[in-house]
Amino acid sequence: MVAIGVLGPLTAEVDGASAELGGPRQRAVLALLLTARRETLSADRMIDDLWHGAPPPRARASLQAYVSHLRRGLEPGRSRRAPARLLVSTPPGYACHLPEEAVDAWRFER
């Protein structure tokens, strides 16, 4: 089971163990996806948000790497080529498919 905390510092636990969320920009990717609340965010919009309108030349590759690292942290048992269940690629970008009870802010709103 995955548990994400956003009310306070951004944290994640997978089956009771702390999950590695990476550095500030990688954490910002997760925060963007959580804010979208299961809606697809385009890669272009995410890049614009992450680099405040001034992305580096390899921003798209960096975004893909951030998502890949987050997937490993949130789904540690998933084989490398198996489809992701929680952070999914969906044209034109990415979406977070966490259950409502997985995110503390979502539970609080309910």
PDB file of N, CA and C in Angstrom:
ATOM      1  N   MET A   1       0.839  -1.194   0.000  1.00  0.00           N
ATOM      2  CA  MET A   1       0.000   0.000   0.000  1.00  0.00           C
ATOM      3  C   MET A   1       0.874   1.244   0.000  1.00  0.00           C
ATOM      4  N   VAL A   2       0.472   2.230  -0.765  1.00  0.00           N
ATOM      5  CA  VAL A   2       1.193   3.491  -0.875  1.00  0.00           C
ATOM      6  C   VAL A   2       0.452   4.553  -0.065  1.00  0.00           C
ATOM      7  N   ALA A   3       1.214   5.338   0.690  1.00  0.00           N
ATOM      8  CA  ALA A   3       0.664   6.460   1.446  1.00  0.00           C
ATOM      9  C   ALA A   3       1.510   7.689   1.153  1.00  0.00           C
ATOM     10  N   ILE A   4       0.855   8.746   0.697  1.00  0.00           N
ATOM     11  CA  ILE A   4       1.539   9.991   0.358  1.00  0.00           C
ATOM     12  C   ILE A   4       1.088  11.069   1.329  1.00  0.00           C
ATOM     13  N   GLY A   5       2.054  11.783   1.879  1.00  0.00           N
ATOM     14  CA  GLY A   5       1.757  12.904   2.761  1.00  0.00           C
ATOM     15  C   GLY A   5       2.118  14.210   2.092  1.00  0.00           C
ATOM     16  N   VAL A   6       1.150  15.106   1.970  1.00  0.00           N
ATOM     17  CA  VAL A   6       1.406  16.437   1.413  1.00  0.00           C
ATOM     18  C   VAL A   6       1.048  17.534   2.405  1.00  0.00           C
ATOM     19  N   LEU A   7       0.351  17.179   3.476  1.00  0.00           N
ATOM     20  CA  LEU A   7       0.012  18.144   4.520  1.00  0.00           C
ATOM     21  C   LEU A   7       1.210  18.214   5.459  1.00  0.00           C
ATOM     22  N   GLY A   8       2.137  19.074   5.135  1.00  0.00           N
ATOM     23  CA  GLY A   8       3.453  19.129   5.782  1.00  0.00           C
ATOM     24  C   GLY A   8       4.476  18.795   4.720  1.00  0.00           C
ATOM     25  N   PRO A   9       5.603  18.232   5.102  1.00  0.00           N
ATOM     26  CA  PRO A   9       6.594  17.871   4.072  1.00  0.00           C
ATOM     27  C   PRO A   9       6.071  16.748   3.182  1.00  0.00           C
ATOM     28  N   LEU A  10       6.484  16.754   1.933  1.00  0.00           N
ATOM     29  CA  LEU A  10       6.093  15.706   0.994  1.00  0.00           C
ATOM     30  C   LEU A  10       6.794  14.412   1.390  1.00  0.00           C
ATOM     31  N   THR A  11       6.006  13.382   1.696  1.00  0.00           N
ATOM     32  CA  THR A  11       6.546  12.086   2.097  1.00  0.00           C
ATOM     33  C   THR A  11       5.787  10.989   1.374  1.00  0.00           C
ATOM     34  N   ALA A  12       6.414   9.832   1.311  1.00  0.00           N
ATOM     35  CA  ALA A  12       5.752   8.668   0.725  1.00  0.00           C
ATOM     36  C   ALA A  12       6.215   7.422   1.457  1.00  0.00           C
ATOM     37  N   GLU A  13       5.275   6.518   1.658  1.00  0.00           N
ATOM     38  CA  GLU A  13       5.574   5.211   2.236  1.00  0.00           C
ATOM     39  C   GLU A  13       4.978   4.145   1.336  1.00  0.00           C
ATOM     40  N   VAL A  14       5.728   3.072   1.185  1.00  0.00           N
ATOM     41  CA  VAL A  14       5.259   1.915   0.433  1.00  0.00           C
ATOM     42  C   VAL A  14       5.339   0.730   1.379  1.00  0.00           C
ATOM     43  N   ASP A  15       4.187   0.143   1.678  1.00  0.00           N
ATOM     44  CA  ASP A  15       4.104  -0.980   2.615  1.00  0.00           C
ATOM     45  C   ASP A  15       4.793  -0.665   3.936  1.00  0.00           C
ATOM     46  N   GLY A  16       4.602   0.563   4.424  1.00  0.00           N
ATOM     47  CA  GLY A  16       5.136   0.977   5.715  1.00  0.00           C
ATOM     48  C   GLY A  16       6.569   1.451   5.705  1.00  0.00           C
ATOM     49  N   ALA A  17       7.276   1.328   4.593  1.00  0.00           N
ATOM     50  CA  ALA A  17       8.664   1.771   4.501  1.00  0.00           C
ATOM     51  C   ALA A  17       8.736   3.088   3.730  1.00  0.00           C
ATOM     52  N   SER A  18       9.630   3.954   4.145  1.00  0.00           N
ATOM     53  CA  SER A  18       9.802   5.241   3.486  1.00  0.00           C
ATOM     54  C   SER A  18      10.266   5.043   2.048  1.00  0.00           C
ATOM     55  N   ALA A  19       9.649   5.785   1.126  1.00  0.00           N
ATOM     56  CA  ALA A  19      10.012   5.710  -0.293  1.00  0.00           C
ATOM     57  C   ALA A  19      10.905   6.895  -0.648  1.00  0.00           C
ATOM     58  N   GLU A  20      11.890   6.644  -1.487  1.00  0.00           N
ATOM     59  CA  GLU A  20      12.809   7.690  -1.943  1.00  0.00           C
ATOM     60  C   GLU A  20      12.115   8.536  -3.007  1.00  0.00           C
ATOM     61  N   LEU A  21      12.016   9.845  -2.746  1.00  0.00           N
ATOM     62  CA  LEU A  21      11.352  10.753  -3.684  1.00  0.00           C
ATOM     63  C   LEU A  21      12.320  11.642  -4.439  1.00  0.00           C
ATOM     64  N   GLY A  22      13.596  11.565  -4.125  1.00  0.00           N
ATOM     65  CA  GLY A  22      14.591  12.331  -4.869  1.00  0.00           C
ATOM     66  C   GLY A  22      14.688  13.776  -4.435  1.00  0.00           C
ATOM     67  N   GLY A  23      15.310  14.570  -5.296  1.00  0.00           N
ATOM     68  CA  GLY A  23      15.560  15.971  -5.012  1.00  0.00           C
ATOM     69  C   GLY A  23      14.369  16.869  -5.261  1.00  0.00           C
ATOM     70  N   PRO A  24      14.569  18.172  -5.105  1.00  0.00           N
ATOM     71  CA  PRO A  24      13.456  19.125  -5.189  1.00  0.00           C
ATOM     72  C   PRO A  24      12.681  19.094  -6.509  1.00  0.00           C
ATOM     73  N   ARG A  25      13.349  19.017  -7.626  1.00  0.00           N
ATOM     74  CA  ARG A  25      12.627  19.042  -8.897  1.00  0.00           C
ATOM     75  C   ARG A  25      11.853  17.743  -9.096  1.00  0.00           C
ATOM     76  N   GLN A  26      12.429  16.621  -8.708  1.00  0.00           N
ATOM     77  CA  GLN A  26      11.720  15.343  -8.826  1.00  0.00           C
ATOM     78  C   GLN A  26      10.502  15.334  -7.904  1.00  0.00           C
ATOM     79  N   ARG A  27      10.646  15.879  -6.718  1.00  0.00           N
ATOM     80  CA  ARG A  27       9.511  15.991  -5.795  1.00  0.00           C
ATOM     81  C   ARG A  27       8.445  16.913  -6.377  1.00  0.00           C
ATOM     82  N   ALA A  28       8.885  17.949  -7.076  1.00  0.00           N
ATOM     83  CA  ALA A  28       7.939  18.872  -7.710  1.00  0.00           C
ATOM     84  C   ALA A  28       7.122  18.160  -8.785  1.00  0.00           C
ATOM     85  N   VAL A  29       7.731  17.197  -9.482  1.00  0.00           N
ATOM     86  CA  VAL A  29       6.990  16.405 -10.471  1.00  0.00           C
ATOM     87  C   VAL A  29       5.850  15.667  -9.779  1.00  0.00           C
ATOM     88  N   LEU A  30       6.149  15.020  -8.659  1.00  0.00           N
ATOM     89  CA  LEU A  30       5.106  14.308  -7.922  1.00  0.00           C
ATOM     90  C   LEU A  30       4.039  15.283  -7.424  1.00  0.00           C
ATOM     91  N   ALA A  31       4.459  16.421  -6.917  1.00  0.00           N
ATOM     92  CA  ALA A  31       3.494  17.411  -6.422  1.00  0.00           C
ATOM     93  C   ALA A  31       2.574  17.894  -7.547  1.00  0.00           C
ATOM     94  N   LEU A  32       3.128  18.141  -8.719  1.00  0.00           N
ATOM     95  CA  LEU A  32       2.298  18.549  -9.858  1.00  0.00           C
ATOM     96  C   LEU A  32       1.249  17.488 -10.183  1.00  0.00           C
ATOM     97  N   LEU A  33       1.683  16.242 -10.223  1.00  0.00           N
ATOM     98  CA  LEU A  33       0.757  15.157 -10.559  1.00  0.00           C
ATOM     99  C   LEU A  33      -0.310  14.972  -9.483  1.00  0.00           C
ATOM    100  N   LEU A  34       0.073  15.124  -8.231  1.00  0.00           N
ATOM    101  CA  LEU A  34      -0.903  15.009  -7.139  1.00  0.00           C
ATOM    102  C   LEU A  34      -1.908  16.158  -7.194  1.00  0.00           C
ATOM    103  N   THR A  35      -1.440  17.340  -7.530  1.00  0.00           N
ATOM    104  CA  THR A  35      -2.319  18.499  -7.631  1.00  0.00           C
ATOM    105  C   THR A  35      -3.334  18.326  -8.755  1.00  0.00           C
ATOM    106  N   ALA A  36      -2.923  17.651  -9.816  1.00  0.00           N
ATOM    107  CA  ALA A  36      -3.826  17.422 -10.952  1.00  0.00           C
ATOM    108  C   ALA A  36      -4.917  16.413 -10.623  1.00  0.00           C
ATOM    109  N   ARG A  37      -4.743  15.670  -9.560  1.00  0.00           N
ATOM    110  CA  ARG A  37      -5.780  14.785  -9.042  1.00  0.00           C
ATOM    111  C   ARG A  37      -6.318  13.807 -10.093  1.00  0.00           C
ATOM    112  N   ARG A  38      -5.436  12.979 -10.633  1.00  0.00           N
ATOM    113  CA  ARG A  38      -5.770  11.929 -11.595  1.00  0.00           C
ATOM    114  C   ARG A  38      -5.984  12.421 -13.022  1.00  0.00           C
ATOM    115  N   GLU A  39      -5.927  13.711 -13.239  1.00  0.00           N
ATOM    116  CA  GLU A  39      -6.036  14.246 -14.588  1.00  0.00           C
ATOM    117  C   GLU A  39      -4.665  14.179 -15.259  1.00  0.00           C
ATOM    118  N   THR A  40      -4.661  14.042 -16.567  1.00  0.00           N
ATOM    119  CA  THR A  40      -3.411  14.016 -17.307  1.00  0.00           C
ATOM    120  C   THR A  40      -2.847  15.423 -17.420  1.00  0.00           C
ATOM    121  N   LEU A  41      -1.565  15.550 -17.104  1.00  0.00           N
ATOM    122  CA  LEU A  41      -0.847  16.803 -17.320  1.00  0.00           C
ATOM    123  C   LEU A  41       0.045  16.612 -18.533  1.00  0.00           C
ATOM    124  N   SER A  42       0.035  17.554 -19.434  1.00  0.00           N
ATOM    125  CA  SER A  42       0.898  17.433 -20.600  1.00  0.00           C
ATOM    126  C   SER A  42       2.352  17.613 -20.171  1.00  0.00           C
ATOM    127  N   ALA A  43       3.220  16.927 -20.867  1.00  0.00           N
ATOM    128  CA  ALA A  43       4.651  17.061 -20.590  1.00  0.00           C
ATOM    129  C   ALA A  43       5.079  18.515 -20.790  1.00  0.00           C
ATOM    130  N   ASP A  44       4.537  19.180 -21.784  1.00  0.00           N
ATOM    131  CA  ASP A  44       4.901  20.579 -22.033  1.00  0.00           C
ATOM    132  C   ASP A  44       4.532  21.468 -20.851  1.00  0.00           C
ATOM    133  N   ARG A  45       3.360  21.266 -20.299  1.00  0.00           N
ATOM    134  CA  ARG A  45       2.945  22.075 -19.147  1.00  0.00           C
ATOM    135  C   ARG A  45       3.828  21.792 -17.944  1.00  0.00           C
ATOM    136  N   MET A  46       4.136  20.505 -17.728  1.00  0.00           N
ATOM    137  CA  MET A  46       4.985  20.147 -16.595  1.00  0.00           C
ATOM    138  C   MET A  46       6.372  20.768 -16.745  1.00  0.00           C
ATOM    139  N   ILE A  47       6.913  20.717 -17.946  1.00  0.00           N
ATOM    140  CA  ILE A  47       8.228  21.311 -18.202  1.00  0.00           C
ATOM    141  C   ILE A  47       8.187  22.807 -17.944  1.00  0.00           C
ATOM    142  N   ASP A  48       7.150  23.460 -18.411  1.00  0.00           N
ATOM    143  CA  ASP A  48       7.016  24.893 -18.189  1.00  0.00           C
ATOM    144  C   ASP A  48       6.941  25.215 -16.695  1.00  0.00           C
ATOM    145  N   ASP A  49       6.168  24.431 -15.945  1.00  0.00           N
ATOM    146  CA  ASP A  49       6.038  24.649 -14.502  1.00  0.00           C
ATOM    147  C   ASP A  49       7.352  24.359 -13.769  1.00  0.00           C
ATOM    148  N   LEU A  50       8.020  23.287 -14.143  1.00  0.00           N
ATOM    149  CA  LEU A  50       9.238  22.884 -13.440  1.00  0.00           C
ATOM    150  C   LEU A  50      10.392  23.854 -13.646  1.00  0.00           C
ATOM    151  N   TRP A  51      10.487  24.443 -14.823  1.00  0.00           N
ATOM    152  CA  TRP A  51      11.600  25.337 -15.138  1.00  0.00           C
ATOM    153  C   TRP A  51      11.136  26.781 -15.330  1.00  0.00           C
ATOM    154  N   HIS A  52       9.954  27.095 -14.842  1.00  0.00           N
ATOM    155  CA  HIS A  52       9.436  28.468 -14.836  1.00  0.00           C
ATOM    156  C   HIS A  52       9.562  29.147 -16.200  1.00  0.00           C
ATOM    157  N   GLY A  53       9.212  28.411 -17.241  1.00  0.00           N
ATOM    158  CA  GLY A  53       9.197  28.977 -18.579  1.00  0.00           C
ATOM    159  C   GLY A  53      10.552  29.058 -19.269  1.00  0.00           C
ATOM    160  N   ALA A  54      11.603  28.596 -18.621  1.00  0.00           N
ATOM    161  CA  ALA A  54      12.951  28.643 -19.222  1.00  0.00           C
ATOM    162  C   ALA A  54      13.611  27.266 -19.115  1.00  0.00           C
ATOM    163  N   PRO A  55      13.070  26.270 -19.818  1.00  0.00           N
ATOM    164  CA  PRO A  55      13.603  24.915 -19.681  1.00  0.00           C
ATOM    165  C   PRO A  55      14.962  24.742 -20.360  1.00  0.00           C
ATOM    166  N   PRO A  56      15.775  23.831 -19.824  1.00  0.00           N
ATOM    167  CA  PRO A  56      17.041  23.524 -20.484  1.00  0.00           C
ATOM    168  C   PRO A  56      16.777  22.711 -21.750  1.00  0.00           C
ATOM    169  N   PRO A  57      17.774  22.563 -22.609  1.00  0.00           N
ATOM    170  CA  PRO A  57      17.580  21.828 -23.866  1.00  0.00           C
ATOM    171  C   PRO A  57      17.086  20.390 -23.678  1.00  0.00           C
ATOM    172  N   ARG A  58      17.482  19.719 -22.621  1.00  0.00           N
ATOM    173  CA  ARG A  58      17.094  18.322 -22.417  1.00  0.00           C
ATOM    174  C   ARG A  58      16.009  18.174 -21.345  1.00  0.00           C
ATOM    175  N   ALA A  59      15.134  19.151 -21.242  1.00  0.00           N
ATOM    176  CA  ALA A  59      14.092  19.142 -20.215  1.00  0.00           C
ATOM    177  C   ALA A  59      13.178  17.924 -20.331  1.00  0.00           C
ATOM    178  N   ARG A  60      12.807  17.548 -21.547  1.00  0.00           N
ATOM    179  CA  ARG A  60      11.908  16.403 -21.729  1.00  0.00           C
ATOM    180  C   ARG A  60      12.563  15.118 -21.222  1.00  0.00           C
ATOM    181  N   ALA A  61      13.835  14.928 -21.512  1.00  0.00           N
ATOM    182  CA  ALA A  61      14.557  13.746 -21.031  1.00  0.00           C
ATOM    183  C   ALA A  61      14.670  13.773 -19.510  1.00  0.00           C
ATOM    184  N   SER A  62      14.886  14.949 -18.941  1.00  0.00           N
ATOM    185  CA  SER A  62      14.948  15.073 -17.485  1.00  0.00           C
ATOM    186  C   SER A  62      13.609  14.718 -16.852  1.00  0.00           C
ATOM    187  N   LEU A  63      12.523  15.221 -17.436  1.00  0.00           N
ATOM    188  CA  LEU A  63      11.189  14.896 -16.926  1.00  0.00           C
ATOM    189  C   LEU A  63      10.956  13.391 -16.969  1.00  0.00           C
ATOM    190  N   GLN A  64      11.305  12.753 -18.058  1.00  0.00           N
ATOM    191  CA  GLN A  64      11.144  11.299 -18.167  1.00  0.00           C
ATOM    192  C   GLN A  64      11.949  10.578 -17.089  1.00  0.00           C
ATOM    193  N   ALA A  65      13.152  11.049 -16.826  1.00  0.00           N
ATOM    194  CA  ALA A  65      13.989  10.436 -15.791  1.00  0.00           C
ATOM    195  C   ALA A  65      13.370  10.628 -14.405  1.00  0.00           C
ATOM    196  N   TYR A  66      12.855  11.824 -14.124  1.00  0.00           N
ATOM    197  CA  TYR A  66      12.209  12.064 -12.832  1.00  0.00           C
ATOM    198  C   TYR A  66      11.034  11.119 -12.628  1.00  0.00           C
ATOM    199  N   VAL A  67      10.206  10.970 -13.641  1.00  0.00           N
ATOM    200  CA  VAL A  67       9.045  10.081 -13.540  1.00  0.00           C
ATOM    201  C   VAL A  67       9.509   8.639 -13.343  1.00  0.00           C
ATOM    202  N   SER A  68      10.517   8.234 -14.070  1.00  0.00           N
ATOM    203  CA  SER A  68      11.047   6.878 -13.949  1.00  0.00           C
ATOM    204  C   SER A  68      11.547   6.602 -12.525  1.00  0.00           C
ATOM    205  N   HIS A  69      12.281   7.552 -11.947  1.00  0.00           N
ATOM    206  CA  HIS A  69      12.793   7.387 -10.586  1.00  0.00           C
ATOM    207  C   HIS A  69      11.655   7.358  -9.566  1.00  0.00           C
ATOM    208  N   LEU A  70      10.656   8.206  -9.771  1.00  0.00           N
ATOM    209  CA  LEU A  70       9.502   8.193  -8.857  1.00  0.00           C
ATOM    210  C   LEU A  70       8.761   6.861  -8.947  1.00  0.00           C
ATOM    211  N   ARG A  71       8.619   6.339 -10.149  1.00  0.00           N
ATOM    212  CA  ARG A  71       7.956   5.041 -10.307  1.00  0.00           C
ATOM    213  C   ARG A  71       8.700   3.961  -9.534  1.00  0.00           C
ATOM    214  N   ARG A  72      10.029   3.973  -9.623  1.00  0.00           N
ATOM    215  CA  ARG A  72      10.812   2.974  -8.885  1.00  0.00           C
ATOM    216  C   ARG A  72      10.604   3.104  -7.386  1.00  0.00           C
ATOM    217  N   GLY A  73      10.510   4.339  -6.911  1.00  0.00           N
ATOM    218  CA  GLY A  73      10.297   4.547  -5.485  1.00  0.00           C
ATOM    219  C   GLY A  73       8.914   4.147  -5.010  1.00  0.00           C
ATOM    220  N   LEU A  74       7.893   4.400  -5.844  1.00  0.00           N
ATOM    221  CA  LEU A  74       6.513   4.129  -5.445  1.00  0.00           C
ATOM    222  C   LEU A  74       6.045   2.717  -5.782  1.00  0.00           C
ATOM    223  N   GLU A  75       6.713   2.066  -6.726  1.00  0.00           N
ATOM    224  CA  GLU A  75       6.371   0.695  -7.109  1.00  0.00           C
ATOM    225  C   GLU A  75       7.649  -0.154  -7.141  1.00  0.00           C
ATOM    226  N   PRO A  76       8.274  -0.356  -5.984  1.00  0.00           N
ATOM    227  CA  PRO A  76       9.573  -1.031  -5.967  1.00  0.00           C
ATOM    228  C   PRO A  76       9.540  -2.471  -6.479  1.00  0.00           C
ATOM    229  N   GLY A  77       8.437  -3.149  -6.421  1.00  0.00           N
ATOM    230  CA  GLY A  77       8.356  -4.538  -6.868  1.00  0.00           C
ATOM    231  C   GLY A  77       8.049  -4.705  -8.344  1.00  0.00           C
ATOM    232  N   ARG A  78       7.783  -3.624  -9.046  1.00  0.00           N
ATOM    233  CA  ARG A  78       7.416  -3.689 -10.469  1.00  0.00           C
ATOM    234  C   ARG A  78       8.657  -3.970 -11.297  1.00  0.00           C
ATOM    235  N   SER A  79       8.547  -4.924 -12.213  1.00  0.00           N
ATOM    236  CA  SER A  79       9.683  -5.195 -13.098  1.00  0.00           C
ATOM    237  C   SER A  79       9.873  -4.019 -14.050  1.00  0.00           C
ATOM    238  N   ARG A  80      11.072  -3.864 -14.561  1.00  0.00           N
ATOM    239  CA  ARG A  80      11.442  -2.673 -15.349  1.00  0.00           C
ATOM    240  C   ARG A  80      10.541  -2.433 -16.561  1.00  0.00           C
ATOM    241  N   ARG A  81      10.100  -3.449 -17.222  1.00  0.00           N
ATOM    242  CA  ARG A  81       9.292  -3.266 -18.441  1.00  0.00           C
ATOM    243  C   ARG A  81       7.788  -3.416 -18.206  1.00  0.00           C
ATOM    244  N   ALA A  82       7.396  -3.716 -16.994  1.00  0.00           N
ATOM    245  CA  ALA A  82       5.964  -3.831 -16.692  1.00  0.00           C
ATOM    246  C   ALA A  82       5.334  -2.437 -16.691  1.00  0.00           C
ATOM    247  N   PRO A  83       4.096  -2.326 -17.135  1.00  0.00           N
ATOM    248  CA  PRO A  83       3.447  -1.007 -17.129  1.00  0.00           C
ATOM    249  C   PRO A  83       3.279  -0.472 -15.707  1.00  0.00           C
ATOM    250  N   ALA A  84       3.487   0.819 -15.551  1.00  0.00           N
ATOM    251  CA  ALA A  84       3.296   1.460 -14.251  1.00  0.00           C
ATOM    252  C   ALA A  84       1.813   1.502 -13.930  1.00  0.00           C
ATOM    253  N   ARG A  85       1.502   1.412 -12.648  1.00  0.00           N
ATOM    254  CA  ARG A  85       0.112   1.487 -12.212  1.00  0.00           C
ATOM    255  C   ARG A  85      -0.214   2.819 -11.556  1.00  0.00           C
ATOM    256  N   LEU A  86       0.784   3.465 -10.944  1.00  0.00           N
ATOM    257  CA  LEU A  86       0.517   4.663 -10.158  1.00  0.00           C
ATOM    258  C   LEU A  86       0.841   5.960 -10.893  1.00  0.00           C
ATOM    259  N   LEU A  87       1.993   6.045 -11.500  1.00  0.00           N
ATOM    260  CA  LEU A  87       2.361   7.204 -12.318  1.00  0.00           C
ATOM    261  C   LEU A  87       2.401   6.714 -13.751  1.00  0.00           C
ATOM    262  N   VAL A  88       1.349   7.018 -14.483  1.00  0.00           N
ATOM    263  CA  VAL A  88       1.185   6.419 -15.803  1.00  0.00           C
ATOM    264  C   VAL A  88       1.467   7.426 -16.913  1.00  0.00           C
ATOM    265  N   SER A  89       1.999   6.904 -17.988  1.00  0.00           N
ATOM    266  CA  SER A  89       2.176   7.701 -19.209  1.00  0.00           C
ATOM    267  C   SER A  89       0.872   7.643 -19.973  1.00  0.00           C
ATOM    268  N   THR A  90       0.340   8.792 -20.262  1.00  0.00           N
ATOM    269  CA  THR A  90      -0.895   8.872 -21.009  1.00  0.00           C
ATOM    270  C   THR A  90      -0.831  10.130 -21.872  1.00  0.00           C
ATOM    271  N   PRO A  91      -0.920   9.967 -23.177  1.00  0.00           N
ATOM    272  CA  PRO A  91      -0.756  11.131 -24.051  1.00  0.00           C
ATOM    273  C   PRO A  91      -1.682  12.272 -23.623  1.00  0.00           C
ATOM    274  N   PRO A  92      -1.160  13.456 -23.539  1.00  0.00           N
ATOM    275  CA  PRO A  92       0.143  13.942 -23.974  1.00  0.00           C
ATOM    276  C   PRO A  92       1.186  14.038 -22.860  1.00  0.00           C
ATOM    277  N   GLY A  93       0.996  13.325 -21.748  1.00  0.00           N
ATOM    278  CA  GLY A  93       1.957  13.443 -20.651  1.00  0.00           C
ATOM    279  C   GLY A  93       1.840  12.337 -19.637  1.00  0.00           C
ATOM    280  N   TYR A  94       1.517  12.737 -18.398  1.00  0.00           N
ATOM    281  CA  TYR A  94       1.498  11.800 -17.283  1.00  0.00           C
ATOM    282  C   TYR A  94       0.285  12.058 -16.391  1.00  0.00           C
ATOM    283  N   ALA A  95      -0.101  11.013 -15.658  1.00  0.00           N
ATOM    284  CA  ALA A  95      -1.176  11.134 -14.679  1.00  0.00           C
ATOM    285  C   ALA A  95      -0.830  10.275 -13.469  1.00  0.00           C
ATOM    286  N   CYS A  96      -1.378  10.648 -12.347  1.00  0.00           N
ATOM    287  CA  CYS A  96      -1.182   9.916 -11.100  1.00  0.00           C
ATOM    288  C   CYS A  96      -2.466   9.142 -10.803  1.00  0.00           C
ATOM    289  N   HIS A  97      -2.382   7.830 -10.743  1.00  0.00           N
ATOM    290  CA  HIS A  97      -3.559   6.996 -10.510  1.00  0.00           C
ATOM    291  C   HIS A  97      -3.550   6.376  -9.119  1.00  0.00           C
ATOM    292  N   LEU A  98      -3.287   7.184  -8.132  1.00  0.00           N
ATOM    293  CA  LEU A  98      -3.337   6.706  -6.750  1.00  0.00           C
ATOM    294  C   LEU A  98      -4.786   6.643  -6.285  1.00  0.00           C
ATOM    295  N   PRO A  99      -5.106   5.680  -5.431  1.00  0.00           N
ATOM    296  CA  PRO A  99      -6.459   5.664  -4.867  1.00  0.00           C
ATOM    297  C   PRO A  99      -6.668   6.863  -3.933  1.00  0.00           C
ATOM    298  N   GLU A 100      -7.903   7.279  -3.777  1.00  0.00           N
ATOM    299  CA  GLU A 100      -8.244   8.439  -2.941  1.00  0.00           C
ATOM    300  C   GLU A 100      -7.647   8.349  -1.540  1.00  0.00           C
ATOM    301  N   GLU A 101      -7.668   7.170  -0.944  1.00  0.00           N
ATOM    302  CA  GLU A 101      -7.199   7.026   0.433  1.00  0.00           C
ATOM    303  C   GLU A 101      -5.678   7.073   0.558  1.00  0.00           C
ATOM    304  N   ALA A 102      -4.958   7.090  -0.552  1.00  0.00           N
ATOM    305  CA  ALA A 102      -3.492   7.062  -0.514  1.00  0.00           C
ATOM    306  C   ALA A 102      -2.872   8.420  -0.193  1.00  0.00           C
ATOM    307  N   VAL A 103      -3.611   9.509  -0.401  1.00  0.00           N
ATOM    308  CA  VAL A 103      -3.054  10.853  -0.225  1.00  0.00           C
ATOM    309  C   VAL A 103      -3.772  11.543   0.929  1.00  0.00           C
ATOM    310  N   ASP A 104      -2.994  12.009   1.916  1.00  0.00           N
ATOM    311  CA  ASP A 104      -3.608  12.582   3.108  1.00  0.00           C
ATOM    312  C   ASP A 104      -4.505  13.776   2.808  1.00  0.00           C
ATOM    313  N   ALA A 105      -4.134  14.644   1.893  1.00  0.00           N
ATOM    314  CA  ALA A 105      -4.958  15.809   1.566  1.00  0.00           C
ATOM    315  C   ALA A 105      -6.278  15.402   0.925  1.00  0.00           C
ATOM    316  N   TRP A 106      -6.257  14.363   0.115  1.00  0.00           N
ATOM    317  CA  TRP A 106      -7.481  13.891  -0.507  1.00  0.00           C
ATOM    318  C   TRP A 106      -8.428  13.313   0.540  1.00  0.00           C
ATOM    319  N   ARG A 107      -7.859  12.598   1.518  1.00  0.00           N
ATOM    320  CA  ARG A 107      -8.699  12.065   2.605  1.00  0.00           C
ATOM    321  C   ARG A 107      -9.273  13.210   3.425  1.00  0.00           C
ATOM    322  N   PHE A 108      -8.467  14.218   3.681  1.00  0.00           N
ATOM    323  CA  PHE A 108      -8.913  15.365   4.458  1.00  0.00           C
ATOM    324  C   PHE A 108     -10.077  16.076   3.767  1.00  0.00           C
ATOM    325  N   GLU A 109      -9.987  16.256   2.447  1.00  0.00           N
ATOM    326  CA  GLU A 109     -11.057  16.905   1.708  1.00  0.00           C
ATOM    327  C   GLU A 109     -12.356  16.123   1.777  1.00  0.00           C
ATOM    328  N   ARG A 110     -12.224  14.813   1.725  1.00  0.00           N
ATOM    329  CA  ARG A 110     -13.418  13.959   1.759  1.00  0.00           C
ATOM    330  C   ARG A 110     -14.058  14.067   3.116  1.00  0.00           C
TER     331      ARG A 110
END
